[in-house]
C-alpha atoms as a PDB file:
ATOM      1  CA  MET A   1       8.614 -10.428  15.909  1.00  0.00           C
ATOM      2  CA  ARG A   2       9.796  -7.082  17.522  1.00  0.00           C
ATOM      3  CA  ILE A   3       9.414  -3.921  15.430  1.00  0.00           C
ATOM      4  CA  GLY A   4      12.971  -4.005  14.526  1.00  0.00           C
ATOM      5  CA  GLU A   5      12.924  -7.237  12.928  1.00  0.00           C
ATOM      6  CA  LEU A   6       9.468  -6.339  11.051  1.00  0.00           C
ATOM      7  CA  ALA A   7      10.965  -2.967  10.073  1.00  0.00           C
ATOM      8  CA  ARG A   8      14.138  -4.986   8.795  1.00  0.00           C
ATOM      9  CA  ARG A   9      12.062  -7.794   6.956  1.00  0.00           C
ATOM     10  CA  THR A  10       9.812  -5.175   5.189  1.00  0.00           C
ATOM     11  CA  ASN A  11      12.409  -2.162   4.635  1.00  0.00           C
ATOM     12  CA  VAL A  12       9.441  -0.323   6.372  1.00  0.00           C
ATOM     13  CA  SER A  13      10.593   2.168   9.377  1.00  0.00           C
ATOM     14  CA  GLU A  14       9.674   1.653  12.568  1.00  0.00           C
ATOM     15  CA  ARG A  15       7.966   4.927  13.012  1.00  0.00           C
ATOM     16  CA  SER A  16       6.109   3.880  10.016  1.00  0.00           C
ATOM     17  CA  LEU A  17       4.961   0.331  11.192  1.00  0.00           C
ATOM     18  CA  ARG A  18       4.179   1.855  14.442  1.00  0.00           C
ATOM     19  CA  TYR A  19       1.590   4.973  12.633  1.00  0.00           C
ATOM     20  CA  TYR A  20       0.132   1.866  10.419  1.00  0.00           C
ATOM     21  CA  GLU A  21      -0.969   0.567  14.134  1.00  0.00           C
ATOM     22  CA  LYS A  22      -1.718   4.182  15.120  1.00  0.00           C
ATOM     23  CA  GLN A  23      -4.262   3.753  12.131  1.00  0.00           C
ATOM     24  CA  GLY A  24      -5.400   0.437  12.699  1.00  0.00           C
ATOM     25  CA  MET A  25      -3.873  -1.041   9.493  1.00  0.00           C
ATOM     26  CA  LEU A  26      -1.557  -2.995  11.794  1.00  0.00           C
ATOM     27  CA  SER A  27      -1.503  -4.770  15.281  1.00  0.00           C
ATOM     28  CA  ALA A  28       0.669  -5.894  17.364  1.00  0.00           C
ATOM     29  CA  GLU A  29       0.408  -7.527  21.112  1.00  0.00           C
ATOM     30  CA  ARG A  30       2.385  -6.382  24.187  1.00  0.00           C
ATOM     31  CA  THR A  31       5.365  -8.197  26.276  1.00  0.00           C
ATOM     32  CA  PRO A  32       4.816  -7.538  29.707  1.00  0.00           C
ATOM     33  CA  GLY A  33       7.734  -5.191  29.137  1.00  0.00           C
ATOM     34  CA  GLY A  34       5.786  -3.141  26.769  1.00  0.00           C
ATOM     35  CA  HIS A  35       7.329  -4.154  23.701  1.00  0.00           C
ATOM     36  CA  ARG A  36       5.515  -5.000  20.629  1.00  0.00           C
ATOM     37  CA  GLU A  37       4.990  -8.425  19.000  1.00  0.00           C
ATOM     38  CA  TYR A  38       3.977  -8.924  15.931  1.00  0.00           C
ATOM     39  CA  PRO A  39       3.039 -11.884  14.399  1.00  0.00           C
ATOM     40  CA  GLU A  40       4.496 -13.733  11.324  1.00  0.00           C
ATOM     41  CA  ARG A  41       1.367 -12.554   8.922  1.00  0.00           C
ATOM     42  CA  ALA A  42       2.592  -9.192   9.769  1.00  0.00           C
ATOM     43  CA  VAL A  43       5.274  -9.308   7.013  1.00  0.00           C
ATOM     44  CA  ASP A  44       2.313  -9.654   4.445  1.00  0.00           C
ATOM     45  CA  ARG A  45       0.358  -6.983   5.973  1.00  0.00           C
ATOM     46  CA  VAL A  46       2.828  -4.360   5.816  1.00  0.00           C
ATOM     47  CA  ILE A  47       4.171  -5.300   2.335  1.00  0.00           C
ATOM     48  CA  ARG A  48       0.287  -5.072   1.508  1.00  0.00           C
ATOM     49  CA  ILE A  49       0.031  -1.782   3.153  1.00  0.00           C
ATOM     50  CA  GLN A  50       3.133  -0.918   1.316  1.00  0.00           C
ATOM     51  CA  GLU A  51       1.688  -1.985  -2.141  1.00  0.00           C
ATOM     52  CA  LEU A  52      -1.813  -0.081  -1.039  1.00  0.00           C
ATOM     53  CA  PHE A  53       0.252   3.459  -0.562  1.00  0.00           C
ATOM     54  CA  ALA A  54       2.391   2.915  -3.975  1.00  0.00           C
ATOM     55  CA  ALA A  55      -0.906   2.864  -5.990  1.00  0.00           C
ATOM     56  CA  GLY A  56      -1.904   6.002  -4.405  1.00  0.00           C
ATOM     57  CA  LEU A  57      -4.700   5.007  -1.713  1.00  0.00           C
ATOM     58  CA  CYS A  58      -4.742   7.221   1.246  1.00  0.00           C
ATOM     59  CA  SER A  59      -4.390   5.898   4.735  1.00  0.00           C
ATOM     60  CA  GLU A  60      -8.413   5.871   5.442  1.00  0.00           C
ATOM     61  CA  LYS A  61      -8.923   4.044   2.517  1.00  0.00           C
ATOM     62  CA  ILE A  62      -6.211   1.416   3.316  1.00  0.00           C
ATOM     63  CA  VAL A  63      -8.106   0.964   6.766  1.00  0.00           C
ATOM     64  CA  GLN A  64     -11.307   0.243   4.959  1.00  0.00           C
ATOM     65  CA  LEU A  65      -9.850  -1.984   2.580  1.00  0.00           C
ATOM     66  CA  LEU A  66      -7.886  -4.512   4.420  1.00  0.00           C
ATOM     67  CA  PRO A  67     -10.486  -6.215   6.343  1.00  0.00           C
ATOM     68  CA  CYS A  68     -12.082  -7.209   2.597  1.00  0.00           C
ATOM     69  CA  MET A  69      -8.243  -8.932   1.866  1.00  0.00           C
ATOM     70  CA  ARG A  70      -6.596 -11.727   2.611  1.00  0.00           C
ATOM     71  CA  ASP A  71      -3.055 -11.242   3.405  1.00  0.00           C
ATOM     72  CA  THR A  72      -1.554 -14.469   2.675  1.00  0.00           C
ATOM     73  CA  ASP A  73      -3.085 -14.817  -0.856  1.00  0.00           C
ATOM     74  CA  GLY A  74      -4.061 -11.330  -1.570  1.00  0.00           C
ATOM     75  CA  GLY A  75      -7.472 -12.633  -3.016  1.00  0.00           C
ATOM     76  CA  PRO A  76     -10.242 -10.517  -2.025  1.00  0.00           C
ATOM     77  CA  SER A  77     -12.817 -11.316   0.807  1.00  0.00           C
ATOM     78  CA  VAL A  78     -16.335 -11.648   1.067  1.00  0.00           C
ATOM     79  CA  VAL A  79     -16.969  -8.468   3.693  1.00  0.00           C
ATOM     80  CA  ALA A  80     -16.308  -5.866   0.929  1.00  0.00           C
ATOM     81  CA  THR A  81     -19.413  -3.444   0.919  1.00  0.00           C
ATOM     82  CA  PRO A  82     -20.738  -2.168  -2.147  1.00  0.00           C
ATOM     83  CA  LYS A  83     -19.601   1.259  -1.009  1.00  0.00           C
ATOM     84  CA  LEU A  84     -16.198  -0.009  -0.858  1.00  0.00           C
ATOM     85  CA  VAL A  85     -16.213  -1.594  -4.364  1.00  0.00           C
ATOM     86  CA  ALA A  86     -17.156   1.740  -5.535  1.00  0.00           C
ATOM     87  CA  ASP A  87     -14.680   3.862  -3.983  1.00  0.00           C
ATOM     88  CA  LEU A  88     -11.873   1.112  -4.918  1.00  0.00           C
ATOM     89  CA  THR A  89     -13.051   1.653  -8.556  1.00  0.00           C
ATOM     90  CA  ALA A  90     -13.106   5.374  -8.271  1.00  0.00           C
ATOM     91  CA  GLU A  91      -9.674   4.769  -7.311  1.00  0.00           C
ATOM     92  CA  ARG A  92      -8.399   2.348 -10.199  1.00  0.00           C
ATOM     93  CA  ALA A  93     -10.183   4.980 -12.535  1.00  0.00           C
ATOM     94  CA  ARG A  94      -8.146   7.635 -11.084  1.00  0.00           C
ATOM     95  CA  ILE A  95      -4.612   5.524 -10.920  1.00  0.00           C
ATOM     96  CA  ASP A  96      -5.780   4.728 -15.310  1.00  0.00           C
ATOM     97  CA  ARG A  97      -6.070   8.444 -15.608  1.00  0.00           C
ATOM     98  CA  MET A  98      -2.198   8.945 -14.033  1.00  0.00           C
ATOM     99  CA  ILE A  99      -0.892   6.518 -16.291  1.00  0.00           C
ATOM    100  CA  ALA A 100      -2.529   7.436 -19.325  1.00  0.00           C
ATOM    101  CA  ASP A 101      -1.240  11.089 -18.331  1.00  0.00           C
ATOM    102  CA  LEU A 102       2.141   9.327 -17.640  1.00  0.00           C
ATOM    103  CA  VAL A 103       2.145   7.853 -21.036  1.00  0.00           C
ATOM    104  CA  ARG A 104       1.507  10.925 -22.887  1.00  0.00           C
ATOM    105  CA  SER A 105       4.133  12.668 -21.067  1.00  0.00           C
ATOM    106  CA  ARG A 106       7.196  10.191 -22.106  1.00  0.00           C
ATOM    107  CA  ASP A 107       5.491  10.098 -25.650  1.00  0.00           C
ATOM    108  CA  THR A 108       6.537  13.840 -25.601  1.00  0.00           C
ATOM    109  CA  LEU A 109       9.713  13.171 -24.078  1.00  0.00           C
ATOM    110  CA  ASP A 110      10.643  10.711 -26.796  1.00  0.00           C
ATOM    111  CA  GLU A 111       9.330  13.285 -29.484  1.00  0.00           C
ATOM    112  CA  VAL A 112      12.041  15.825 -27.717  1.00  0.00           C
ATOM    113  CA  ILE A 113      15.111  12.875 -27.443  1.00  0.00           C
ATOM    114  CA  ASP A 114      14.388  12.069 -31.465  1.00  0.00           C
ATOM    115  CA  ALA A 115      14.298  15.517 -32.611  1.00  0.00           C
ATOM    116  CA  ALA A 116      17.390  16.314 -30.398  1.00  0.00           C
ATOM    117  CA  ARG A 117      18.910  13.475 -32.234  1.00  0.00           C
ATOM    118  CA  LEU A 118      18.292  14.574 -35.606  1.00  0.00           C
ATOM    119  CA  SER A 119      19.813  17.870 -34.680  1.00  0.00           C
END
């Protein structure tokens, strides 16, 4: 599929897809005319990349992680290195801290809302 179709199917801009390719997160074949042609599995790959960005991972970490993941089912692969596992464990801890901070913020807002309702 061409870049425009991949962009439509994943709701990701063509510019972002080019960036993913440049960073080594996504690959495409080139037609004789120079157009990018992506395989069907690129849809799953782009969705996975978006999920990892949404989780707060940087592109450098995503590039390291993608070869360790299976696009079709999202399960782990056997090529994860101990360093990558340690890095990802640290990323997960960071996300857990962010969640805890957000819960505290939400609780504070709830207290303010409740107090305002009683006024």
